Amino acid sequence: MSILKIETPRAFKPLLLPSRYKGAYGGRGSGKSHFFAEKLVEDCLEEKGMLAVCIREVQKSLMQSSKRLLETKIAALGVGHLFKVFEREIETPGDGII
């Protein structure tokens, strides 16, 4: 059950099914990174102590990193008070780590 009311584009609906690993590929601007960032924030709220890693094919700096996007999504979803952001990681509710 979703605690956050995040709309999922139809193309990403199959990624909502249970799976140990999830990945997507394709061109720029399709919303993949934004979908996965929102989904990860939501999953961390539902499963306390979750451990996760975000991997991108190309990352030239922390400004372009998945971490930066996660920080933005955490703030936009209004759950910043539940996460602790450090230089290299994000602590999730229940002492999980991204």
PDB file of N, CA and C in Angstrom:
ATOM      1  N   MET A   1       0.835  -1.176   0.000  1.00  0.00           N
ATOM      2  CA  MET A   1       0.000   0.000   0.000  1.00  0.00           C
ATOM      3  C   MET A   1       0.885   1.246   0.000  1.00  0.00           C
ATOM      4  N   SER A   2       0.538   2.197  -0.787  1.00  0.00           N
ATOM      5  CA  SER A   2       1.315   3.419  -0.917  1.00  0.00           C
ATOM      6  C   SER A   2       0.934   4.428   0.162  1.00  0.00           C
ATOM      7  N   ILE A   3       1.940   4.975   0.846  1.00  0.00           N
ATOM      8  CA  ILE A   3       1.659   6.009   1.833  1.00  0.00           C
ATOM      9  C   ILE A   3       1.666   7.386   1.181  1.00  0.00           C
ATOM     10  N   LEU A   4       2.466   7.540   0.155  1.00  0.00           N
ATOM     11  CA  LEU A   4       2.524   8.802  -0.575  1.00  0.00           C
ATOM     12  C   LEU A   4       1.635   8.685  -1.806  1.00  0.00           C
ATOM     13  N   LYS A   5       1.048   9.771  -2.188  1.00  0.00           N
ATOM     14  CA  LYS A   5       0.181   9.762  -3.373  1.00  0.00           C
ATOM     15  C   LYS A   5       1.004  10.189  -4.591  1.00  0.00           C
ATOM     16  N   ILE A   6       1.776   9.247  -5.124  1.00  0.00           N
ATOM     17  CA  ILE A   6       2.636   9.521  -6.275  1.00  0.00           C
ATOM     18  C   ILE A   6       1.995   8.899  -7.504  1.00  0.00           C
ATOM     19  N   GLU A   7       1.787   9.707  -8.514  1.00  0.00           N
ATOM     20  CA  GLU A   7       1.213   9.196  -9.756  1.00  0.00           C
ATOM     21  C   GLU A   7       2.292   8.475 -10.557  1.00  0.00           C
ATOM     22  N   THR A   8       1.959   7.295 -11.062  1.00  0.00           N
ATOM     23  CA  THR A   8       2.909   6.508 -11.840  1.00  0.00           C
ATOM     24  C   THR A   8       2.496   6.495 -13.302  1.00  0.00           C
ATOM     25  N   PRO A   9       3.386   6.932 -14.195  1.00  0.00           N
ATOM     26  CA  PRO A   9       3.077   6.853 -15.626  1.00  0.00           C
ATOM     27  C   PRO A   9       2.836   5.400 -16.040  1.00  0.00           C
ATOM     28  N   ARG A  10       1.947   5.193 -16.987  1.00  0.00           N
ATOM     29  CA  ARG A  10       1.577   3.845 -17.426  1.00  0.00           C
ATOM     30  C   ARG A  10       2.800   3.009 -17.819  1.00  0.00           C
ATOM     31  N   ALA A  11       3.776   3.620 -18.456  1.00  0.00           N
ATOM     32  CA  ALA A  11       4.965   2.886 -18.909  1.00  0.00           C
ATOM     33  C   ALA A  11       5.750   2.276 -17.750  1.00  0.00           C
ATOM     34  N   PHE A  12       5.630   2.862 -16.558  1.00  0.00           N
ATOM     35  CA  PHE A  12       6.387   2.377 -15.407  1.00  0.00           C
ATOM     36  C   PHE A  12       5.584   1.455 -14.493  1.00  0.00           C
ATOM     37  N   LYS A  13       4.313   1.232 -14.781  1.00  0.00           N
ATOM     38  CA  LYS A  13       3.462   0.390 -13.919  1.00  0.00           C
ATOM     39  C   LYS A  13       4.058  -1.007 -13.678  1.00  0.00           C
ATOM     40  N   PRO A  14       4.653  -1.670 -14.703  1.00  0.00           N
ATOM     41  CA  PRO A  14       5.237  -2.994 -14.441  1.00  0.00           C
ATOM     42  C   PRO A  14       6.352  -2.961 -13.391  1.00  0.00           C
ATOM     43  N   LEU A  15       6.992  -1.817 -13.216  1.00  0.00           N
ATOM     44  CA  LEU A  15       8.065  -1.703 -12.230  1.00  0.00           C
ATOM     45  C   LEU A  15       7.541  -1.629 -10.799  1.00  0.00           C
ATOM     46  N   LEU A  16       6.231  -1.551 -10.638  1.00  0.00           N
ATOM     47  CA  LEU A  16       5.636  -1.544  -9.299  1.00  0.00           C
ATOM     48  C   LEU A  16       5.455  -2.961  -8.755  1.00  0.00           C
ATOM     49  N   LEU A  17       5.589  -3.962  -9.622  1.00  0.00           N
ATOM     50  CA  LEU A  17       5.456  -5.352  -9.194  1.00  0.00           C
ATOM     51  C   LEU A  17       6.673  -5.753  -8.365  1.00  0.00           C
ATOM     52  N   PRO A  18       6.498  -6.664  -7.394  1.00  0.00           N
ATOM     53  CA  PRO A  18       7.623  -7.088  -6.560  1.00  0.00           C
ATOM     54  C   PRO A  18       8.757  -7.683  -7.394  1.00  0.00           C
ATOM     55  N   SER A  19       9.977  -7.296  -7.046  1.00  0.00           N
ATOM     56  CA  SER A  19      11.155  -7.793  -7.749  1.00  0.00           C
ATOM     57  C   SER A  19      12.385  -7.441  -6.930  1.00  0.00           C
ATOM     58  N   ARG A  20      13.363  -8.340  -6.896  1.00  0.00           N
ATOM     59  CA  ARG A  20      14.586  -8.056  -6.145  1.00  0.00           C
ATOM     60  C   ARG A  20      15.376  -6.927  -6.789  1.00  0.00           C
ATOM     61  N   TYR A  21      15.470  -6.948  -8.107  1.00  0.00           N
ATOM     62  CA  TYR A  21      16.204  -5.916  -8.840  1.00  0.00           C
ATOM     63  C   TYR A  21      15.262  -5.228  -9.806  1.00  0.00           C
ATOM     64  N   LYS A  22      15.454  -3.932  -9.979  1.00  0.00           N
ATOM     65  CA  LYS A  22      14.652  -3.179 -10.945  1.00  0.00           C
ATOM     66  C   LYS A  22      15.601  -2.312 -11.750  1.00  0.00           C
ATOM     67  N   GLY A  23      15.329  -2.194 -13.030  1.00  0.00           N
ATOM     68  CA  GLY A  23      16.154  -1.354 -13.885  1.00  0.00           C
ATOM     69  C   GLY A  23      15.361  -0.934 -15.102  1.00  0.00           C
ATOM     70  N   ALA A  24      15.815   0.137 -15.721  1.00  0.00           N
ATOM     71  CA  ALA A  24      15.169   0.630 -16.936  1.00  0.00           C
ATOM     72  C   ALA A  24      16.243   1.248 -17.814  1.00  0.00           C
ATOM     73  N   TYR A  25      16.019   1.196 -19.099  1.00  0.00           N
ATOM     74  CA  TYR A  25      16.971   1.808 -20.020  1.00  0.00           C
ATOM     75  C   TYR A  25      16.197   2.568 -21.081  1.00  0.00           C
ATOM     76  N   GLY A  26      16.891   3.429 -21.755  1.00  0.00           N
ATOM     77  CA  GLY A  26      16.252   4.215 -22.803  1.00  0.00           C
ATOM     78  C   GLY A  26      16.860   5.598 -22.875  1.00  0.00           C
ATOM     79  N   GLY A  27      16.271   6.429 -23.692  1.00  0.00           N
ATOM     80  CA  GLY A  27      16.792   7.769 -23.932  1.00  0.00           C
ATOM     81  C   GLY A  27      16.585   8.719 -22.766  1.00  0.00           C
ATOM     82  N   ARG A  28      17.133   9.901 -22.937  1.00  0.00           N
ATOM     83  CA  ARG A  28      17.024  10.934 -21.912  1.00  0.00           C
ATOM     84  C   ARG A  28      15.616  11.519 -21.880  1.00  0.00           C
ATOM     85  N   GLY A  29      15.247  12.007 -20.715  1.00  0.00           N
ATOM     86  CA  GLY A  29      13.997  12.743 -20.600  1.00  0.00           C
ATOM     87  C   GLY A  29      12.734  11.919 -20.486  1.00  0.00           C
ATOM     88  N   SER A  30      12.864  10.619 -20.243  1.00  0.00           N
ATOM     89  CA  SER A  30      11.666   9.777 -20.158  1.00  0.00           C
ATOM     90  C   SER A  30      11.123   9.665 -18.735  1.00  0.00           C
ATOM     91  N   GLY A  31      11.850  10.198 -17.765  1.00  0.00           N
ATOM     92  CA  GLY A  31      11.369  10.179 -16.387  1.00  0.00           C
ATOM     93  C   GLY A  31      11.845   9.000 -15.563  1.00  0.00           C
ATOM     94  N   LYS A  32      12.770   8.207 -16.098  1.00  0.00           N
ATOM     95  CA  LYS A  32      13.236   7.021 -15.376  1.00  0.00           C
ATOM     96  C   LYS A  32      13.822   7.378 -14.008  1.00  0.00           C
ATOM     97  N   SER A  33      14.747   8.316 -13.986  1.00  0.00           N
ATOM     98  CA  SER A  33      15.395   8.690 -12.722  1.00  0.00           C
ATOM     99  C   SER A  33      14.385   9.234 -11.723  1.00  0.00           C
ATOM    100  N   HIS A  34      13.449  10.045 -12.195  1.00  0.00           N
ATOM    101  CA  HIS A  34      12.441  10.623 -11.298  1.00  0.00           C
ATOM    102  C   HIS A  34      11.515   9.540 -10.749  1.00  0.00           C
ATOM    103  N   PHE A  35      11.125   8.585 -11.595  1.00  0.00           N
ATOM    104  CA  PHE A  35      10.280   7.481 -11.132  1.00  0.00           C
ATOM    105  C   PHE A  35      10.991   6.692 -10.035  1.00  0.00           C
ATOM    106  N   PHE A  36      12.249   6.285 -10.310  1.00  0.00           N
ATOM    107  CA  PHE A  36      12.974   5.463  -9.345  1.00  0.00           C
ATOM    108  C   PHE A  36      13.268   6.227  -8.054  1.00  0.00           C
ATOM    109  N   ALA A  37      13.545   7.513  -8.142  1.00  0.00           N
ATOM    110  CA  ALA A  37      13.801   8.305  -6.931  1.00  0.00           C
ATOM    111  C   ALA A  37      12.549   8.361  -6.055  1.00  0.00           C
ATOM    112  N   GLU A  38      11.405   8.650  -6.656  1.00  0.00           N
ATOM    113  CA  GLU A  38      10.156   8.706  -5.885  1.00  0.00           C
ATOM    114  C   GLU A  38       9.803   7.339  -5.316  1.00  0.00           C
ATOM    115  N   LYS A  39       9.987   6.296  -6.104  1.00  0.00           N
ATOM    116  CA  LYS A  39       9.682   4.933  -5.651  1.00  0.00           C
ATOM    117  C   LYS A  39      10.586   4.536  -4.486  1.00  0.00           C
ATOM    118  N   LEU A  40      11.863   4.904  -4.571  1.00  0.00           N
ATOM    119  CA  LEU A  40      12.787   4.560  -3.492  1.00  0.00           C
ATOM    120  C   LEU A  40      12.437   5.300  -2.202  1.00  0.00           C
ATOM    121  N   VAL A  41      12.107   6.566  -2.292  1.00  0.00           N
ATOM    122  CA  VAL A  41      11.698   7.320  -1.100  1.00  0.00           C
ATOM    123  C   VAL A  41      10.473   6.650  -0.470  1.00  0.00           C
ATOM    124  N   GLU A  42       9.505   6.313  -1.297  1.00  0.00           N
ATOM    125  CA  GLU A  42       8.295   5.652  -0.800  1.00  0.00           C
ATOM    126  C   GLU A  42       8.625   4.300  -0.163  1.00  0.00           C
ATOM    127  N   ASP A  43       9.460   3.499  -0.818  1.00  0.00           N
ATOM    128  CA  ASP A  43       9.835   2.189  -0.278  1.00  0.00           C
ATOM    129  C   ASP A  43      10.556   2.319   1.064  1.00  0.00           C
ATOM    130  N   CYS A  44      11.402   3.334   1.200  1.00  0.00           N
ATOM    131  CA  CYS A  44      12.122   3.546   2.460  1.00  0.00           C
ATOM    132  C   CYS A  44      11.175   3.913   3.596  1.00  0.00           C
ATOM    133  N   LEU A  45      10.080   4.574   3.274  1.00  0.00           N
ATOM    134  CA  LEU A  45       9.086   4.905   4.299  1.00  0.00           C
ATOM    135  C   LEU A  45       8.279   3.678   4.697  1.00  0.00           C
ATOM    136  N   GLU A  46       8.034   2.794   3.743  1.00  0.00           N
ATOM    137  CA  GLU A  46       7.234   1.595   4.012  1.00  0.00           C
ATOM    138  C   GLU A  46       8.043   0.501   4.694  1.00  0.00           C
ATOM    139  N   GLU A  47       9.337   0.405   4.379  1.00  0.00           N
ATOM    140  CA  GLU A  47      10.188  -0.649   4.940  1.00  0.00           C
ATOM    141  C   GLU A  47      11.316  -0.005   5.738  1.00  0.00           C
ATOM    142  N   LYS A  48      11.120   0.114   7.022  1.00  0.00           N
ATOM    143  CA  LYS A  48      12.105   0.765   7.892  1.00  0.00           C
ATOM    144  C   LYS A  48      13.437   0.015   7.844  1.00  0.00           C
ATOM    145  N   GLY A  49      14.525   0.768   7.825  1.00  0.00           N
ATOM    146  CA  GLY A  49      15.854   0.168   7.813  1.00  0.00           C
ATOM    147  C   GLY A  49      16.308  -0.319   6.450  1.00  0.00           C
ATOM    148  N   MET A  50      15.633   0.074   5.395  1.00  0.00           N
ATOM    149  CA  MET A  50      15.978  -0.384   4.046  1.00  0.00           C
ATOM    150  C   MET A  50      17.385   0.063   3.654  1.00  0.00           C
ATOM    151  N   LEU A  51      18.105  -0.836   3.012  1.00  0.00           N
ATOM    152  CA  LEU A  51      19.410  -0.528   2.443  1.00  0.00           C
ATOM    153  C   LEU A  51      19.256  -0.507   0.932  1.00  0.00           C
ATOM    154  N   ALA A  52      19.783   0.524   0.279  1.00  0.00           N
ATOM    155  CA  ALA A  52      19.621   0.642  -1.169  1.00  0.00           C
ATOM    156  C   ALA A  52      20.848   1.289  -1.786  1.00  0.00           C
ATOM    157  N   VAL A  53      21.045   1.003  -3.053  1.00  0.00           N
ATOM    158  CA  VAL A  53      22.110   1.646  -3.822  1.00  0.00           C
ATOM    159  C   VAL A  53      21.508   2.131  -5.133  1.00  0.00           C
ATOM    160  N   CYS A  54      21.924   3.304  -5.571  1.00  0.00           N
ATOM    161  CA  CYS A  54      21.473   3.860  -6.850  1.00  0.00           C
ATOM    162  C   CYS A  54      22.680   3.933  -7.771  1.00  0.00           C
ATOM    163  N   ILE A  55      22.534   3.404  -8.965  1.00  0.00           N
ATOM    164  CA  ILE A  55      23.644   3.352  -9.910  1.00  0.00           C
ATOM    165  C   ILE A  55      23.216   3.991 -11.218  1.00  0.00           C
ATOM    166  N   ARG A  56      24.073   4.853 -11.746  1.00  0.00           N
ATOM    167  CA  ARG A  56      23.834   5.473 -13.053  1.00  0.00           C
ATOM    168  C   ARG A  56      24.992   5.111 -13.964  1.00  0.00           C
ATOM    169  N   GLU A  57      24.720   5.036 -15.246  1.00  0.00           N
ATOM    170  CA  GLU A  57      25.784   4.741 -16.203  1.00  0.00           C
ATOM    171  C   GLU A  57      26.791   5.886 -16.254  1.00  0.00           C
ATOM    172  N   VAL A  58      26.297   7.121 -16.266  1.00  0.00           N
ATOM    173  CA  VAL A  58      27.175   8.290 -16.332  1.00  0.00           C
ATOM    174  C   VAL A  58      26.839   9.235 -15.192  1.00  0.00           C
ATOM    175  N   GLN A  59      27.870   9.617 -14.450  1.00  0.00           N
ATOM    176  CA  GLN A  59      27.715  10.609 -13.383  1.00  0.00           C
ATOM    177  C   GLN A  59      29.015  11.382 -13.327  1.00  0.00           C
ATOM    178  N   LYS A  60      28.994  12.612 -13.766  1.00  0.00           N
ATOM    179  CA  LYS A  60      30.218  13.403 -13.830  1.00  0.00           C
ATOM    180  C   LYS A  60      30.521  14.141 -12.532  1.00  0.00           C
ATOM    181  N   SER A  61      29.518  14.361 -11.703  1.00  0.00           N
ATOM    182  CA  SER A  61      29.732  15.071 -10.442  1.00  0.00           C
ATOM    183  C   SER A  61      28.573  14.774  -9.496  1.00  0.00           C
ATOM    184  N   LEU A  62      28.735  15.161  -8.235  1.00  0.00           N
ATOM    185  CA  LEU A  62      27.638  14.991  -7.279  1.00  0.00           C
ATOM    186  C   LEU A  62      26.438  15.843  -7.668  1.00  0.00           C
ATOM    187  N   MET A  63      26.662  16.930  -8.408  1.00  0.00           N
ATOM    188  CA  MET A  63      25.559  17.774  -8.875  1.00  0.00           C
ATOM    189  C   MET A  63      24.651  17.005  -9.835  1.00  0.00           C
ATOM    190  N   GLN A  64      25.202  16.018 -10.557  1.00  0.00           N
ATOM    191  CA  GLN A  64      24.427  15.223 -11.508  1.00  0.00           C
ATOM    192  C   GLN A  64      24.055  13.860 -10.934  1.00  0.00           C
ATOM    193  N   SER A  65      24.273  13.666  -9.665  1.00  0.00           N
ATOM    194  CA  SER A  65      24.132  12.336  -9.085  1.00  0.00           C
ATOM    195  C   SER A  65      22.691  11.970  -8.753  1.00  0.00           C
ATOM    196  N   SER A  66      22.486  10.684  -8.590  1.00  0.00           N
ATOM    197  CA  SER A  66      21.200  10.175  -8.122  1.00  0.00           C
ATOM    198  C   SER A  66      20.926  10.685  -6.712  1.00  0.00           C
ATOM    199  N   LYS A  67      21.973  10.852  -5.922  1.00  0.00           N
ATOM    200  CA  LYS A  67      21.811  11.352  -4.553  1.00  0.00           C
ATOM    201  C   LYS A  67      21.179  12.735  -4.560  1.00  0.00           C
ATOM    202  N   ARG A  68      21.639  13.584  -5.431  1.00  0.00           N
ATOM    203  CA  ARG A  68      21.085  14.944  -5.516  1.00  0.00           C
ATOM    204  C   ARG A  68      19.596  14.895  -5.869  1.00  0.00           C
ATOM    205  N   LEU A  69      19.236  14.029  -6.813  1.00  0.00           N
ATOM    206  CA  LEU A  69      17.833  13.888  -7.193  1.00  0.00           C
ATOM    207  C   LEU A  69      17.014  13.358  -6.018  1.00  0.00           C
ATOM    208  N   LEU A  70      17.553  12.383  -5.283  1.00  0.00           N
ATOM    209  CA  LEU A  70      16.850  11.858  -4.111  1.00  0.00           C
ATOM    210  C   LEU A  70      16.618  12.952  -3.067  1.00  0.00           C
ATOM    211  N   GLU A  71      17.619  13.786  -2.837  1.00  0.00           N
ATOM    212  CA  GLU A  71      17.460  14.892  -1.888  1.00  0.00           C
ATOM    213  C   GLU A  71      16.317  15.812  -2.323  1.00  0.00           C
ATOM    214  N   THR A  72      16.258  16.099  -3.615  1.00  0.00           N
ATOM    215  CA  THR A  72      15.204  16.958  -4.160  1.00  0.00           C
ATOM    216  C   THR A  72      13.830  16.323  -3.985  1.00  0.00           C
ATOM    217  N   LYS A  73      13.722  15.027  -4.276  1.00  0.00           N
ATOM    218  CA  LYS A  73      12.437  14.324  -4.153  1.00  0.00           C
ATOM    219  C   LYS A  73      11.989  14.226  -2.693  1.00  0.00           C
ATOM    220  N   ILE A  74      12.932  13.970  -1.790  1.00  0.00           N
ATOM    221  CA  ILE A  74      12.600  13.891  -0.366  1.00  0.00           C
ATOM    222  C   ILE A  74      11.981  15.212   0.094  1.00  0.00           C
ATOM    223  N   ALA A  75      12.581  16.312  -0.321  1.00  0.00           N
ATOM    224  CA  ALA A  75      12.055  17.634   0.045  1.00  0.00           C
ATOM    225  C   ALA A  75      10.702  17.887  -0.618  1.00  0.00           C
ATOM    226  N   ALA A  76      10.586  17.581  -1.904  1.00  0.00           N
ATOM    227  CA  ALA A  76       9.347  17.842  -2.649  1.00  0.00           C
ATOM    228  C   ALA A  76       8.170  17.026  -2.112  1.00  0.00           C
ATOM    229  N   LEU A  77       8.450  15.829  -1.621  1.00  0.00           N
ATOM    230  CA  LEU A  77       7.391  14.969  -1.094  1.00  0.00           C
ATOM    231  C   LEU A  77       7.054  15.306   0.365  1.00  0.00           C
ATOM    232  N   GLY A  78       7.778  16.257   0.940  1.00  0.00           N
ATOM    233  CA  GLY A  78       7.468  16.710   2.296  1.00  0.00           C
ATOM    234  C   GLY A  78       7.858  15.750   3.402  1.00  0.00           C
ATOM    235  N   VAL A  79       8.869  14.914   3.150  1.00  0.00           N
ATOM    236  CA  VAL A  79       9.275  13.936   4.160  1.00  0.00           C
ATOM    237  C   VAL A  79      10.722  14.149   4.624  1.00  0.00           C
ATOM    238  N   GLY A  80      11.243  15.347   4.394  1.00  0.00           N
ATOM    239  CA  GLY A  80      12.625  15.657   4.756  1.00  0.00           C
ATOM    240  C   GLY A  80      12.937  15.446   6.225  1.00  0.00           C
ATOM    241  N   HIS A  81      11.954  15.646   7.085  1.00  0.00           N
ATOM    242  CA  HIS A  81      12.167  15.469   8.523  1.00  0.00           C
ATOM    243  C   HIS A  81      12.411  14.008   8.910  1.00  0.00           C
ATOM    244  N   LEU A  82      12.132  13.082   8.013  1.00  0.00           N
ATOM    245  CA  LEU A  82      12.297  11.653   8.301  1.00  0.00           C
ATOM    246  C   LEU A  82      13.636  11.092   7.821  1.00  0.00           C
ATOM    247  N   PHE A  83      14.368  11.860   7.027  1.00  0.00           N
ATOM    248  CA  PHE A  83      15.634  11.425   6.444  1.00  0.00           C
ATOM    249  C   PHE A  83      16.761  12.329   6.935  1.00  0.00           C
ATOM    250  N   LYS A  84      17.980  11.774   7.045  1.00  0.00           N
ATOM    251  CA  LYS A  84      19.166  12.568   7.380  1.00  0.00           C
ATOM    252  C   LYS A  84      20.113  12.510   6.185  1.00  0.00           C
ATOM    253  N   VAL A  85      20.415  13.684   5.634  1.00  0.00           N
ATOM    254  CA  VAL A  85      21.264  13.752   4.448  1.00  0.00           C
ATOM    255  C   VAL A  85      22.688  14.093   4.863  1.00  0.00           C
ATOM    256  N   PHE A  86      23.620  13.240   4.471  1.00  0.00           N
ATOM    257  CA  PHE A  86      25.042  13.456   4.719  1.00  0.00           C
ATOM    258  C   PHE A  86      25.742  13.652   3.372  1.00  0.00           C
ATOM    259  N   GLU A  87      27.038  13.918   3.411  1.00  0.00           N
ATOM    260  CA  GLU A  87      27.772  14.199   2.179  1.00  0.00           C
ATOM    261  C   GLU A  87      27.720  13.035   1.185  1.00  0.00           C
ATOM    262  N   ARG A  88      27.872  11.812   1.658  1.00  0.00           N
ATOM    263  CA  ARG A  88      27.971  10.663   0.752  1.00  0.00           C
ATOM    264  C   ARG A  88      26.815   9.674   0.840  1.00  0.00           C
ATOM    265  N   GLU A  89      25.894   9.891   1.751  1.00  0.00           N
ATOM    266  CA  GLU A  89      24.792   8.943   1.917  1.00  0.00           C
ATOM    267  C   GLU A  89      23.577   9.641   2.500  1.00  0.00           C
ATOM    268  N   ILE A  90      22.474   8.924   2.478  1.00  0.00           N
ATOM    269  CA  ILE A  90      21.230   9.411   3.069  1.00  0.00           C
ATOM    270  C   ILE A  90      20.754   8.342   4.043  1.00  0.00           C
ATOM    271  N   GLU A  91      20.524   8.740   5.288  1.00  0.00           N
ATOM    272  CA  GLU A  91      20.007   7.805   6.286  1.00  0.00           C
ATOM    273  C   GLU A  91      18.488   7.833   6.212  1.00  0.00           C
ATOM    274  N   THR A  92      17.901   6.655   6.125  1.00  0.00           N
ATOM    275  CA  THR A  92      16.456   6.528   5.970  1.00  0.00           C
ATOM    276  C   THR A  92      15.814   6.209   7.324  1.00  0.00           C
ATOM    277  N   PRO A  93      14.492   6.313   7.415  1.00  0.00           N
ATOM    278  CA  PRO A  93      13.825   5.942   8.667  1.00  0.00           C
ATOM    279  C   PRO A  93      14.197   4.512   9.079  1.00  0.00           C
ATOM    280  N   GLY A  94      14.437   4.300  10.356  1.00  0.00           N
ATOM    281  CA  GLY A  94      14.809   2.971  10.837  1.00  0.00           C
ATOM    282  C   GLY A  94      16.278   2.667  10.630  1.00  0.00           C
ATOM    283  N   ASP A  95      17.095   3.693  10.414  1.00  0.00           N
ATOM    284  CA  ASP A  95      18.547   3.554  10.265  1.00  0.00           C
ATOM    285  C   ASP A  95      18.985   2.795   9.016  1.00  0.00           C
ATOM    286  N   GLY A  96      18.210   2.879   7.971  1.00  0.00           N
ATOM    287  CA  GLY A  96      18.645   2.345   6.685  1.00  0.00           C
ATOM    288  C   GLY A  96      19.576   3.346   6.016  1.00  0.00           C
ATOM    289  N   ILE A  97      20.194   2.921   4.928  1.00  0.00           N
ATOM    290  CA  ILE A  97      21.149   3.779   4.211  1.00  0.00           C
ATOM    291  C   ILE A  97      20.907   3.674   2.709  1.00  0.00           C
ATOM    292  N   ILE A  98      20.947   4.827   2.046  1.00  0.00           N
ATOM    293  CA  ILE A  98      20.957   4.861   0.576  1.00  0.00           C
ATOM    294  C   ILE A  98      22.333   5.363   0.193  1.00  0.00           C
TER     295      ILE A  98
END
